[in-house]
Amino acid sequence: MALITVVDYDMGNLHSVCKGLEKAGASAKVTSSAKDLEVADAIVLPGVGAFDPAVQNLRERGLEEPIKAIISSGKPFLGICLGLQILFESSEEGKEPGLGILPGKVRRFRPEPDLSVPHMGWNQLELAQPKCLLWEYLSAQPWVYFVHSYYTEPTNPEVCTATVTHGSQTITAAIAKDNLMAIQFHPEKSANVGLQILSNFVSQVREKIAA
């Protein structure tokens, strides 16, 4: 059984993510230990909250360099919500530098009439790369659950695998680059679609183990 570690840095409900991974057929472990990350088959970096405390907490726990090394090694990695945003270089939400694993910035939604911020609730994905393995067995425009006030703006648009439209603004909802995948929405709150996405990630981890 694939062992997937869920990074604990005091930013969100990690156990709901663990339950989702376990339903998807993996063994999930919450940890803040770099050694646990190194021996796992894959890493999930979830997150709820603000950008600056998130990157500060990772650095205080000595997890920034291990995470970068693990991604460089080719180990499957999934970021969720804030765990997507902190992969980038900087955010309009704070002053701390991000991990800088992906070039680009995190932006706040532009004000417009009747636009609710945060973007909260169910919305439909537009799959920019339908063949991305995360989207296997999903419909063309699956509904998923969002809670966020900021979104990522990658320098390289080719890493964007799905978008979502809120008001008149179409923003990045998911990215993928080799073994690195990350999503803005919450799969653990997205019912059967979210479970299928986690199952697809677990299937990729199993294939990596078997290779």
N, C-alpha and C. Protein backbone atom coordinates (compact mmCIF):
# COMPACT_ATOMS: atom_id res chain seq x y z
N MET A 1 0.85 -1.20 0.00
CA MET A 1 0.00 0.00 0.00
C MET A 1 0.88 1.25 0.00
N ALA A 2 0.53 2.21 -0.83
CA ALA A 2 1.30 3.44 -0.93
C ALA A 2 1.23 4.24 0.37
N LEU A 3 2.39 4.70 0.83
CA LEU A 3 2.45 5.56 2.02
C LEU A 3 2.57 7.01 1.58
N ILE A 4 1.56 7.80 1.93
CA ILE A 4 1.55 9.22 1.56
C ILE A 4 1.59 10.05 2.83
N THR A 5 2.57 10.93 2.92
CA THR A 5 2.66 11.79 4.10
C THR A 5 1.99 13.13 3.81
N VAL A 6 1.24 13.60 4.80
CA VAL A 6 0.54 14.88 4.73
C VAL A 6 1.30 15.84 5.65
N VAL A 7 1.80 16.93 5.07
CA VAL A 7 2.69 17.83 5.81
C VAL A 7 1.92 18.63 6.84
N ASP A 8 2.37 18.55 8.08
CA ASP A 8 1.76 19.28 9.20
C ASP A 8 2.59 20.53 9.49
N TYR A 9 2.01 21.69 9.20
CA TYR A 9 2.68 22.94 9.55
C TYR A 9 1.67 23.94 10.14
N ASP A 10 0.69 23.37 10.85
CA ASP A 10 -0.33 24.15 11.57
C ASP A 10 -1.16 25.05 10.67
N MET A 11 -1.47 24.58 9.47
CA MET A 11 -2.25 25.40 8.54
C MET A 11 -3.40 24.59 7.94
N GLY A 12 -4.38 24.25 8.78
CA GLY A 12 -5.58 23.65 8.23
C GLY A 12 -5.92 22.28 8.79
N ASN A 13 -7.06 21.77 8.35
CA ASN A 13 -7.56 20.48 8.81
C ASN A 13 -6.92 19.37 7.99
N LEU A 14 -5.86 18.79 8.53
CA LEU A 14 -5.11 17.78 7.80
C LEU A 14 -5.81 16.43 7.80
N HIS A 15 -6.60 16.18 8.83
CA HIS A 15 -7.16 14.85 8.98
C HIS A 15 -8.25 14.55 7.95
N SER A 16 -8.95 15.59 7.49
CA SER A 16 -9.94 15.34 6.44
C SER A 16 -9.25 14.96 5.14
N VAL A 17 -8.07 15.53 4.89
CA VAL A 17 -7.29 15.13 3.72
C VAL A 17 -6.83 13.69 3.86
N CYS A 18 -6.36 13.33 5.06
CA CYS A 18 -5.93 11.96 5.32
C CYS A 18 -7.07 10.97 5.07
N LYS A 19 -8.26 11.30 5.55
CA LYS A 19 -9.40 10.40 5.36
C LYS A 19 -9.69 10.21 3.88
N GLY A 20 -9.58 11.29 3.12
CA GLY A 20 -9.81 11.20 1.68
C GLY A 20 -8.79 10.30 1.01
N LEU A 21 -7.52 10.42 1.41
CA LEU A 21 -6.46 9.58 0.84
C LEU A 21 -6.67 8.11 1.22
N GLU A 22 -7.10 7.89 2.46
CA GLU A 22 -7.34 6.51 2.90
C GLU A 22 -8.52 5.89 2.15
N LYS A 23 -9.57 6.70 1.90
CA LYS A 23 -10.69 6.20 1.09
C LYS A 23 -10.23 5.87 -0.33
N ALA A 24 -9.22 6.61 -0.78
CA ALA A 24 -8.68 6.39 -2.13
C ALA A 24 -7.72 5.21 -2.18
N GLY A 25 -7.47 4.58 -1.03
CA GLY A 25 -6.68 3.36 -1.02
C GLY A 25 -5.24 3.50 -0.60
N ALA A 26 -4.88 4.63 -0.01
CA ALA A 26 -3.51 4.84 0.44
C ALA A 26 -3.42 4.75 1.96
N SER A 27 -2.21 4.59 2.45
CA SER A 27 -1.93 4.76 3.88
C SER A 27 -1.43 6.18 4.07
N ALA A 28 -2.11 6.96 4.91
CA ALA A 28 -1.78 8.38 5.07
C ALA A 28 -1.25 8.65 6.47
N LYS A 29 -0.24 9.49 6.54
CA LYS A 29 0.38 9.84 7.82
C LYS A 29 0.61 11.34 7.90
N VAL A 30 0.11 11.99 8.95
CA VAL A 30 0.36 13.40 9.19
C VAL A 30 1.71 13.54 9.89
N THR A 31 2.56 14.44 9.38
CA THR A 31 3.89 14.56 9.96
C THR A 31 4.47 15.95 9.74
N SER A 32 5.35 16.35 10.65
CA SER A 32 6.16 17.56 10.45
C SER A 32 7.64 17.19 10.41
N SER A 33 7.93 15.90 10.22
CA SER A 33 9.30 15.40 10.22
C SER A 33 9.84 15.28 8.80
N ALA A 34 10.98 15.89 8.55
CA ALA A 34 11.60 15.78 7.22
C ALA A 34 11.96 14.33 6.91
N LYS A 35 12.34 13.56 7.92
CA LYS A 35 12.68 12.16 7.70
C LYS A 35 11.48 11.36 7.21
N ASP A 36 10.31 11.66 7.78
CA ASP A 36 9.09 10.98 7.33
C ASP A 36 8.78 11.31 5.87
N LEU A 37 9.04 12.56 5.48
CA LEU A 37 8.80 12.95 4.09
C LEU A 37 9.72 12.18 3.15
N GLU A 38 10.95 12.00 3.57
CA GLU A 38 11.96 11.35 2.71
C GLU A 38 11.62 9.88 2.44
N VAL A 39 11.03 9.19 3.43
CA VAL A 39 10.77 7.75 3.25
C VAL A 39 9.39 7.48 2.66
N ALA A 40 8.55 8.49 2.56
CA ALA A 40 7.20 8.29 2.02
C ALA A 40 7.25 8.07 0.51
N ASP A 41 6.19 7.48 -0.01
CA ASP A 41 6.07 7.28 -1.46
C ASP A 41 5.60 8.54 -2.17
N ALA A 42 4.92 9.42 -1.46
CA ALA A 42 4.41 10.66 -2.04
C ALA A 42 4.12 11.65 -0.92
N ILE A 43 4.00 12.92 -1.29
CA ILE A 43 3.78 14.00 -0.33
C ILE A 43 2.53 14.78 -0.71
N VAL A 44 1.71 15.12 0.28
CA VAL A 44 0.59 16.05 0.08
C VAL A 44 0.81 17.25 1.00
N LEU A 45 0.74 18.44 0.42
CA LEU A 45 0.89 19.69 1.17
C LEU A 45 -0.42 20.45 1.13
N PRO A 46 -1.29 20.25 2.13
CA PRO A 46 -2.55 21.01 2.16
C PRO A 46 -2.32 22.37 2.82
N GLY A 47 -3.39 23.13 2.98
CA GLY A 47 -3.22 24.40 3.68
C GLY A 47 -4.47 25.25 3.64
N VAL A 48 -4.79 25.85 4.79
CA VAL A 48 -5.88 26.81 4.92
C VAL A 48 -5.36 27.95 5.76
N GLY A 49 -5.54 29.20 5.30
CA GLY A 49 -5.06 30.32 6.08
C GLY A 49 -4.31 31.32 5.22
N ALA A 50 -3.38 32.04 5.84
CA ALA A 50 -2.68 33.14 5.18
C ALA A 50 -1.29 32.73 4.72
N PHE A 51 -0.82 33.39 3.69
CA PHE A 51 0.44 33.06 3.02
C PHE A 51 1.65 33.18 3.94
N ASP A 52 1.81 34.34 4.61
CA ASP A 52 3.02 34.56 5.42
C ASP A 52 3.18 33.55 6.55
N PRO A 53 2.15 33.31 7.39
CA PRO A 53 2.31 32.29 8.43
C PRO A 53 2.63 30.92 7.87
N ALA A 54 2.09 30.60 6.71
CA ALA A 54 2.33 29.29 6.12
C ALA A 54 3.80 29.09 5.79
N VAL A 55 4.40 30.04 5.07
CA VAL A 55 5.81 29.86 4.70
C VAL A 55 6.71 30.00 5.93
N GLN A 56 6.33 30.86 6.87
CA GLN A 56 7.12 30.99 8.10
C GLN A 56 7.12 29.67 8.88
N ASN A 57 5.94 29.04 9.00
CA ASN A 57 5.85 27.79 9.74
C ASN A 57 6.66 26.68 9.07
N LEU A 58 6.63 26.62 7.75
CA LEU A 58 7.43 25.62 7.04
C LEU A 58 8.92 25.83 7.31
N ARG A 59 9.34 27.08 7.27
CA ARG A 59 10.76 27.37 7.47
C ARG A 59 11.19 27.11 8.91
N GLU A 60 10.33 27.44 9.86
CA GLU A 60 10.67 27.20 11.26
C GLU A 60 10.82 25.72 11.56
N ARG A 61 10.09 24.89 10.82
CA ARG A 61 10.16 23.44 11.01
C ARG A 61 11.26 22.80 10.17
N GLY A 62 12.00 23.61 9.43
CA GLY A 62 13.08 23.09 8.60
C GLY A 62 12.59 22.24 7.45
N LEU A 63 11.41 22.59 6.90
CA LEU A 63 10.80 21.76 5.87
C LEU A 63 10.96 22.33 4.45
N GLU A 64 11.41 23.57 4.33
CA GLU A 64 11.48 24.17 3.00
C GLU A 64 12.45 23.41 2.08
N GLU A 65 13.67 23.21 2.53
CA GLU A 65 14.66 22.54 1.68
C GLU A 65 14.31 21.07 1.43
N PRO A 66 13.84 20.31 2.45
CA PRO A 66 13.41 18.94 2.16
C PRO A 66 12.29 18.86 1.13
N ILE A 67 11.33 19.78 1.18
CA ILE A 67 10.25 19.78 0.20
C ILE A 67 10.80 20.04 -1.19
N LYS A 68 11.69 21.01 -1.32
CA LYS A 68 12.28 21.30 -2.62
C LYS A 68 13.06 20.10 -3.15
N ALA A 69 13.82 19.46 -2.27
CA ALA A 69 14.62 18.30 -2.68
C ALA A 69 13.74 17.14 -3.12
N ILE A 70 12.63 16.93 -2.40
CA ILE A 70 11.71 15.84 -2.73
C ILE A 70 11.06 16.08 -4.09
N ILE A 71 10.65 17.31 -4.36
CA ILE A 71 10.06 17.62 -5.66
C ILE A 71 11.09 17.42 -6.77
N SER A 72 12.32 17.87 -6.53
CA SER A 72 13.39 17.69 -7.52
C SER A 72 13.71 16.23 -7.78
N SER A 73 13.49 15.39 -6.77
CA SER A 73 13.82 13.97 -6.89
C SER A 73 12.85 13.20 -7.79
N GLY A 74 11.70 13.79 -8.06
CA GLY A 74 10.70 13.13 -8.89
C GLY A 74 9.60 12.43 -8.12
N LYS A 75 9.62 12.54 -6.80
CA LYS A 75 8.57 11.90 -5.98
C LYS A 75 7.23 12.62 -6.21
N PRO A 76 6.13 11.89 -6.35
CA PRO A 76 4.82 12.53 -6.56
C PRO A 76 4.48 13.50 -5.42
N PHE A 77 3.99 14.68 -5.79
CA PHE A 77 3.72 15.75 -4.83
C PHE A 77 2.42 16.42 -5.22
N LEU A 78 1.53 16.59 -4.24
CA LEU A 78 0.25 17.26 -4.48
C LEU A 78 0.06 18.38 -3.48
N GLY A 79 -0.06 19.62 -3.97
CA GLY A 79 -0.40 20.77 -3.14
C GLY A 79 -1.89 21.04 -3.21
N ILE A 80 -2.48 21.45 -2.09
CA ILE A 80 -3.92 21.73 -2.03
C ILE A 80 -4.15 23.11 -1.45
N CYS A 81 -4.90 23.96 -2.17
CA CYS A 81 -5.31 25.30 -1.75
C CYS A 81 -4.09 26.17 -1.41
N LEU A 82 -3.89 26.51 -0.15
CA LEU A 82 -2.72 27.30 0.23
C LEU A 82 -1.43 26.54 -0.10
N GLY A 83 -1.52 25.21 -0.11
CA GLY A 83 -0.38 24.39 -0.49
C GLY A 83 -0.01 24.52 -1.96
N LEU A 84 -0.90 25.03 -2.78
CA LEU A 84 -0.58 25.45 -4.15
C LEU A 84 0.09 26.81 -4.13
N GLN A 85 -0.49 27.76 -3.42
CA GLN A 85 -0.03 29.14 -3.50
C GLN A 85 1.40 29.33 -3.01
N ILE A 86 1.78 28.63 -1.95
CA ILE A 86 3.11 28.85 -1.39
C ILE A 86 4.22 28.24 -2.24
N LEU A 87 3.86 27.49 -3.27
CA LEU A 87 4.87 26.97 -4.20
C LEU A 87 5.43 28.08 -5.09
N PHE A 88 4.73 29.21 -5.16
CA PHE A 88 5.12 30.31 -6.05
C PHE A 88 6.07 31.29 -5.34
N GLU A 89 6.49 32.32 -6.07
CA GLU A 89 7.57 33.19 -5.59
C GLU A 89 7.11 34.21 -4.55
N SER A 90 5.89 34.73 -4.70
CA SER A 90 5.43 35.77 -3.78
C SER A 90 3.91 35.86 -3.85
N SER A 91 3.34 36.61 -2.88
CA SER A 91 1.89 36.77 -2.84
C SER A 91 1.52 38.20 -2.47
N GLU A 92 0.46 38.70 -3.06
CA GLU A 92 -0.08 40.01 -2.68
C GLU A 92 -0.69 39.97 -1.29
N GLU A 93 -0.85 38.79 -0.73
CA GLU A 93 -1.42 38.66 0.60
C GLU A 93 -0.41 39.00 1.68
N GLY A 94 0.88 38.85 1.39
CA GLY A 94 1.90 39.05 2.43
C GLY A 94 3.22 39.56 1.88
N LYS A 95 4.22 39.54 2.73
CA LYS A 95 5.54 40.07 2.38
C LYS A 95 6.61 38.99 2.28
N GLU A 96 6.33 37.82 2.86
CA GLU A 96 7.31 36.74 2.86
C GLU A 96 7.51 36.17 1.44
N PRO A 97 8.74 35.80 1.10
CA PRO A 97 8.92 35.09 -0.17
C PRO A 97 8.32 33.70 -0.10
N GLY A 98 7.74 33.26 -1.20
CA GLY A 98 7.23 31.90 -1.26
C GLY A 98 8.37 30.92 -1.45
N LEU A 99 8.03 29.65 -1.68
CA LEU A 99 9.07 28.64 -1.87
C LEU A 99 9.79 28.80 -3.21
N GLY A 100 9.15 29.46 -4.16
CA GLY A 100 9.81 29.74 -5.43
C GLY A 100 10.05 28.50 -6.28
N ILE A 101 9.29 27.44 -6.04
CA ILE A 101 9.44 26.22 -6.83
C ILE A 101 8.86 26.44 -8.23
N LEU A 102 7.83 27.26 -8.32
CA LEU A 102 7.24 27.63 -9.59
C LEU A 102 7.34 29.14 -9.78
N PRO A 103 7.79 29.61 -10.94
CA PRO A 103 7.82 31.05 -11.17
C PRO A 103 6.41 31.62 -11.32
N GLY A 104 6.19 32.74 -10.67
CA GLY A 104 4.89 33.38 -10.75
C GLY A 104 4.50 33.97 -9.41
N LYS A 105 3.34 34.61 -9.38
CA LYS A 105 2.88 35.31 -8.18
C LYS A 105 1.45 34.89 -7.81
N VAL A 106 1.10 35.20 -6.58
CA VAL A 106 -0.27 34.97 -6.09
C VAL A 106 -0.96 36.33 -6.04
N ARG A 107 -2.11 36.42 -6.68
CA ARG A 107 -2.84 37.69 -6.80
C ARG A 107 -4.16 37.64 -6.04
N ARG A 108 -4.65 38.81 -5.66
CA ARG A 108 -5.99 38.92 -5.08
C ARG A 108 -6.99 39.17 -6.21
N PHE A 109 -8.19 38.64 -6.07
CA PHE A 109 -9.23 38.91 -7.06
C PHE A 109 -9.43 40.41 -7.23
N ARG A 110 -9.54 40.86 -8.48
CA ARG A 110 -9.81 42.27 -8.74
C ARG A 110 -11.25 42.60 -8.33
N PRO A 111 -11.48 43.75 -7.70
CA PRO A 111 -12.85 44.12 -7.34
C PRO A 111 -13.71 44.32 -8.59
N GLU A 112 -14.93 43.86 -8.53
CA GLU A 112 -15.90 44.14 -9.59
C GLU A 112 -17.29 44.04 -8.98
N PRO A 113 -18.28 44.70 -9.59
CA PRO A 113 -19.62 44.72 -9.00
C PRO A 113 -20.16 43.30 -8.77
N ASP A 114 -20.71 43.11 -7.58
CA ASP A 114 -21.38 41.85 -7.21
C ASP A 114 -20.44 40.64 -7.14
N LEU A 115 -19.13 40.87 -7.13
CA LEU A 115 -18.19 39.75 -7.00
C LEU A 115 -17.96 39.47 -5.52
N SER A 116 -18.23 38.26 -5.11
CA SER A 116 -18.01 37.90 -3.70
C SER A 116 -16.58 37.39 -3.51
N VAL A 117 -15.91 37.95 -2.54
CA VAL A 117 -14.56 37.50 -2.16
C VAL A 117 -14.59 37.29 -0.65
N PRO A 118 -14.27 36.08 -0.17
CA PRO A 118 -13.65 34.98 -0.91
C PRO A 118 -14.57 34.31 -1.92
N HIS A 119 -13.93 33.69 -2.88
CA HIS A 119 -14.61 32.78 -3.81
C HIS A 119 -14.88 31.51 -3.03
N MET A 120 -16.13 31.31 -2.66
CA MET A 120 -16.46 30.22 -1.75
C MET A 120 -17.67 29.45 -2.27
N GLY A 121 -17.51 28.14 -2.35
CA GLY A 121 -18.61 27.28 -2.77
C GLY A 121 -18.25 26.48 -4.00
N TRP A 122 -19.28 25.89 -4.61
CA TRP A 122 -19.09 25.01 -5.75
C TRP A 122 -18.94 25.81 -7.04
N ASN A 123 -18.00 25.37 -7.88
CA ASN A 123 -17.80 25.99 -9.18
C ASN A 123 -17.26 24.93 -10.13
N GLN A 124 -17.38 25.22 -11.43
CA GLN A 124 -16.98 24.23 -12.44
C GLN A 124 -15.59 24.49 -12.98
N LEU A 125 -14.83 23.42 -13.10
CA LEU A 125 -13.51 23.48 -13.71
C LEU A 125 -13.64 23.48 -15.23
N GLU A 126 -12.74 24.19 -15.88
CA GLU A 126 -12.50 24.05 -17.32
C GLU A 126 -11.15 23.37 -17.45
N LEU A 127 -11.13 22.18 -18.01
CA LEU A 127 -9.90 21.39 -18.06
C LEU A 127 -9.03 21.86 -19.23
N ALA A 128 -7.97 22.60 -18.91
CA ALA A 128 -7.07 23.11 -19.93
C ALA A 128 -6.23 21.98 -20.53
N GLN A 129 -5.97 20.97 -19.73
CA GLN A 129 -5.24 19.78 -20.19
C GLN A 129 -6.05 18.54 -19.79
N PRO A 130 -7.04 18.18 -20.59
CA PRO A 130 -7.93 17.08 -20.22
C PRO A 130 -7.20 15.75 -20.01
N LYS A 131 -6.02 15.59 -20.62
CA LYS A 131 -5.28 14.32 -20.48
C LYS A 131 -4.42 14.26 -19.21
N CYS A 132 -4.42 15.33 -18.43
CA CYS A 132 -3.72 15.30 -17.14
C CYS A 132 -4.28 14.15 -16.31
N LEU A 133 -3.39 13.38 -15.70
CA LEU A 133 -3.82 12.16 -15.00
C LEU A 133 -4.74 12.45 -13.82
N LEU A 134 -4.70 13.66 -13.26
CA LEU A 134 -5.60 13.99 -12.15
C LEU A 134 -7.06 13.97 -12.59
N TRP A 135 -7.32 14.15 -13.89
CA TRP A 135 -8.70 14.31 -14.37
C TRP A 135 -9.28 13.01 -14.93
N GLU A 136 -8.59 11.90 -14.79
CA GLU A 136 -9.11 10.64 -15.30
C GLU A 136 -10.48 10.32 -14.71
N TYR A 137 -11.39 9.85 -15.55
CA TYR A 137 -12.74 9.41 -15.16
C TYR A 137 -13.64 10.57 -14.73
N LEU A 138 -13.23 11.81 -15.00
CA LEU A 138 -14.08 12.95 -14.67
C LEU A 138 -14.80 13.46 -15.91
N SER A 139 -15.90 14.18 -15.69
CA SER A 139 -16.61 14.81 -16.80
C SER A 139 -15.79 16.00 -17.30
N ALA A 140 -16.23 16.60 -18.41
CA ALA A 140 -15.47 17.69 -19.02
C ALA A 140 -15.45 18.95 -18.15
N GLN A 141 -16.49 19.16 -17.36
CA GLN A 141 -16.57 20.36 -16.50
C GLN A 141 -17.01 19.95 -15.10
N PRO A 142 -16.14 19.30 -14.35
CA PRO A 142 -16.54 18.80 -13.02
C PRO A 142 -16.73 19.93 -12.01
N TRP A 143 -17.66 19.71 -11.08
CA TRP A 143 -17.90 20.66 -9.99
C TRP A 143 -17.00 20.32 -8.81
N VAL A 144 -16.34 21.36 -8.27
CA VAL A 144 -15.48 21.19 -7.09
C VAL A 144 -15.70 22.35 -6.14
N TYR A 145 -15.18 22.23 -4.94
CA TYR A 145 -15.47 23.20 -3.88
C TYR A 145 -14.26 24.10 -3.59
N PHE A 146 -14.49 25.42 -3.64
CA PHE A 146 -13.43 26.42 -3.45
C PHE A 146 -13.67 27.23 -2.17
N VAL A 147 -12.57 27.66 -1.55
CA VAL A 147 -12.60 28.68 -0.50
C VAL A 147 -11.28 29.44 -0.59
N HIS A 148 -11.29 30.61 -1.25
CA HIS A 148 -10.03 31.37 -1.36
C HIS A 148 -10.30 32.79 -1.82
N SER A 149 -9.39 33.69 -1.44
CA SER A 149 -9.46 35.10 -1.85
C SER A 149 -8.33 35.46 -2.80
N TYR A 150 -7.37 34.56 -2.95
CA TYR A 150 -6.20 34.79 -3.80
C TYR A 150 -6.05 33.62 -4.77
N TYR A 151 -5.37 33.87 -5.87
CA TYR A 151 -5.19 32.83 -6.88
C TYR A 151 -3.78 32.93 -7.47
N THR A 152 -3.31 31.86 -8.05
CA THR A 152 -1.96 31.85 -8.60
C THR A 152 -1.95 32.33 -10.05
N GLU A 153 -0.87 33.01 -10.40
CA GLU A 153 -0.65 33.49 -11.76
C GLU A 153 0.72 33.00 -12.22
N PRO A 154 0.77 31.78 -12.79
CA PRO A 154 2.06 31.23 -13.20
C PRO A 154 2.70 32.04 -14.32
N THR A 155 4.01 32.17 -14.27
CA THR A 155 4.75 32.82 -15.35
C THR A 155 4.61 32.01 -16.64
N ASN A 156 4.67 30.69 -16.49
CA ASN A 156 4.54 29.78 -17.63
C ASN A 156 3.11 29.25 -17.68
N PRO A 157 2.27 29.73 -18.60
CA PRO A 157 0.87 29.28 -18.63
C PRO A 157 0.72 27.80 -18.96
N GLU A 158 1.77 27.18 -19.48
CA GLU A 158 1.66 25.77 -19.87
C GLU A 158 1.52 24.83 -18.66
N VAL A 159 1.85 25.32 -17.46
CA VAL A 159 1.70 24.45 -16.28
C VAL A 159 0.25 24.40 -15.81
N CYS A 160 -0.59 25.27 -16.32
CA CYS A 160 -2.00 25.32 -15.91
C CYS A 160 -2.76 24.15 -16.53
N THR A 161 -3.38 23.31 -15.69
CA THR A 161 -4.13 22.15 -16.20
C THR A 161 -5.63 22.33 -16.08
N ALA A 162 -6.06 23.37 -15.34
CA ALA A 162 -7.50 23.65 -15.24
C ALA A 162 -7.68 25.10 -14.80
N THR A 163 -8.77 25.70 -15.24
CA THR A 163 -9.12 27.05 -14.84
C THR A 163 -10.53 27.05 -14.24
N VAL A 164 -10.87 28.17 -13.59
CA VAL A 164 -12.23 28.36 -13.09
C VAL A 164 -12.56 29.84 -13.27
N THR A 165 -13.82 30.14 -13.52
CA THR A 165 -14.25 31.52 -13.72
C THR A 165 -15.08 31.98 -12.53
N HIS A 166 -14.69 33.13 -11.97
CA HIS A 166 -15.41 33.75 -10.86
C HIS A 166 -15.67 35.19 -11.24
N GLY A 167 -16.94 35.55 -11.39
CA GLY A 167 -17.25 36.86 -11.96
C GLY A 167 -16.79 36.87 -13.41
N SER A 168 -16.03 37.89 -13.79
CA SER A 168 -15.49 37.96 -15.15
C SER A 168 -14.05 37.46 -15.22
N GLN A 169 -13.53 36.96 -14.08
CA GLN A 169 -12.12 36.59 -14.01
C GLN A 169 -11.94 35.07 -14.12
N THR A 170 -11.13 34.67 -15.08
CA THR A 170 -10.78 33.26 -15.25
C THR A 170 -9.37 33.07 -14.71
N ILE A 171 -9.25 32.18 -13.73
CA ILE A 171 -7.99 32.04 -13.01
C ILE A 171 -7.55 30.58 -13.00
N THR A 172 -6.29 30.37 -12.62
CA THR A 172 -5.73 29.03 -12.54
C THR A 172 -6.36 28.27 -11.38
N ALA A 173 -6.87 27.08 -11.67
CA ALA A 173 -7.46 26.23 -10.63
C ALA A 173 -6.58 25.03 -10.31
N ALA A 174 -5.65 24.69 -11.22
CA ALA A 174 -4.77 23.55 -10.99
C ALA A 174 -3.55 23.67 -11.88
N ILE A 175 -2.43 23.14 -11.39
CA ILE A 175 -1.19 23.14 -12.17
C ILE A 175 -0.59 21.73 -12.13
N ALA A 176 0.22 21.44 -13.13
CA ALA A 176 0.97 20.19 -13.14
C ALA A 176 2.25 20.39 -13.92
N LYS A 177 3.34 19.90 -13.36
CA LYS A 177 4.63 19.92 -14.04
C LYS A 177 5.40 18.69 -13.60
N ASP A 178 5.49 17.72 -14.49
CA ASP A 178 6.15 16.45 -14.18
C ASP A 178 5.49 15.80 -12.96
N ASN A 179 6.25 15.58 -11.88
CA ASN A 179 5.72 14.93 -10.68
C ASN A 179 4.99 15.89 -9.74
N LEU A 180 5.05 17.18 -10.03
CA LEU A 180 4.46 18.21 -9.17
C LEU A 180 3.06 18.57 -9.66
N MET A 181 2.07 18.39 -8.78
CA MET A 181 0.69 18.75 -9.08
C MET A 181 0.14 19.57 -7.92
N ALA A 182 -0.74 20.50 -8.20
CA ALA A 182 -1.34 21.28 -7.13
C ALA A 182 -2.67 21.85 -7.60
N ILE A 183 -3.60 21.96 -6.66
CA ILE A 183 -4.97 22.37 -6.97
C ILE A 183 -5.42 23.46 -6.00
N GLN A 184 -6.22 24.40 -6.51
CA GLN A 184 -6.70 25.50 -5.67
C GLN A 184 -7.92 25.10 -4.84
N PHE A 185 -8.70 24.16 -5.32
CA PHE A 185 -9.92 23.75 -4.63
C PHE A 185 -9.62 22.67 -3.60
N HIS A 186 -10.66 22.28 -2.86
CA HIS A 186 -10.52 21.29 -1.79
C HIS A 186 -11.11 19.96 -2.23
N PRO A 187 -10.29 18.97 -2.56
CA PRO A 187 -10.86 17.68 -2.97
C PRO A 187 -11.60 16.99 -1.83
N GLU A 188 -11.15 17.21 -0.59
CA GLU A 188 -11.79 16.55 0.55
C GLU A 188 -13.19 17.11 0.82
N LYS A 189 -13.53 18.25 0.18
CA LYS A 189 -14.86 18.84 0.31
C LYS A 189 -15.67 18.74 -0.98
N SER A 190 -15.10 18.04 -1.97
CA SER A 190 -15.69 18.03 -3.31
C SER A 190 -16.38 16.71 -3.66
N ALA A 191 -16.87 16.02 -2.63
CA ALA A 191 -17.70 14.81 -2.80
C ALA A 191 -17.01 13.79 -3.71
N ASN A 192 -17.76 13.15 -4.58
CA ASN A 192 -17.23 12.05 -5.39
C ASN A 192 -16.16 12.50 -6.37
N VAL A 193 -16.30 13.73 -6.88
CA VAL A 193 -15.28 14.25 -7.80
C VAL A 193 -13.94 14.39 -7.07
N GLY A 194 -13.98 14.93 -5.87
CA GLY A 194 -12.75 15.09 -5.10
C GLY A 194 -12.12 13.76 -4.76
N LEU A 195 -12.95 12.78 -4.41
CA LEU A 195 -12.42 11.45 -4.10
C LEU A 195 -11.79 10.82 -5.33
N GLN A 196 -12.39 11.05 -6.50
CA GLN A 196 -11.81 10.51 -7.73
C GLN A 196 -10.45 11.15 -8.03
N ILE A 197 -10.33 12.45 -7.78
CA ILE A 197 -9.05 13.13 -8.00
C ILE A 197 -7.98 12.57 -7.07
N LEU A 198 -8.33 12.37 -5.80
CA LEU A 198 -7.37 11.77 -4.86
C LEU A 198 -7.04 10.35 -5.28
N SER A 199 -8.03 9.60 -5.77
CA SER A 199 -7.78 8.24 -6.25
C SER A 199 -6.84 8.25 -7.45
N ASN A 200 -7.02 9.23 -8.32
CA ASN A 200 -6.13 9.34 -9.48
C ASN A 200 -4.69 9.63 -9.04
N PHE A 201 -4.54 10.47 -8.02
CA PHE A 201 -3.20 10.75 -7.50
C PHE A 201 -2.59 9.50 -6.89
N VAL A 202 -3.37 8.77 -6.11
CA VAL A 202 -2.89 7.54 -5.49
C VAL A 202 -2.49 6.53 -6.57
N SER A 203 -3.24 6.47 -7.65
CA SER A 203 -2.91 5.55 -8.74
C SER A 203 -1.57 5.91 -9.37
N GLN A 204 -1.29 7.19 -9.50
CA GLN A 204 0.01 7.63 -10.03
C GLN A 204 1.14 7.22 -9.09
N VAL A 205 0.88 7.33 -7.78
CA VAL A 205 1.89 6.94 -6.81
C VAL A 205 2.18 5.45 -6.92
N ARG A 206 1.14 4.66 -7.05
CA ARG A 206 1.33 3.21 -7.19
C ARG A 206 2.14 2.87 -8.44
N GLU A 207 1.84 3.57 -9.54
CA GLU A 207 2.59 3.32 -10.77
C GLU A 207 4.06 3.67 -10.60
N LYS A 208 4.31 4.75 -9.85
CA LYS A 208 5.71 5.16 -9.60
C LYS A 208 6.44 4.10 -8.78
N ILE A 209 5.75 3.53 -7.78
CA ILE A 209 6.34 2.49 -6.95
C ILE A 209 6.66 1.26 -7.78
N ALA A 210 5.74 0.93 -8.67
CA ALA A 210 5.89 -0.31 -9.46
C ALA A 210 6.93 -0.18 -10.56
N ALA A 211 7.23 1.06 -10.96
CA ALA A 211 8.15 1.28 -12.09
C ALA A 211 9.58 0.85 -11.74
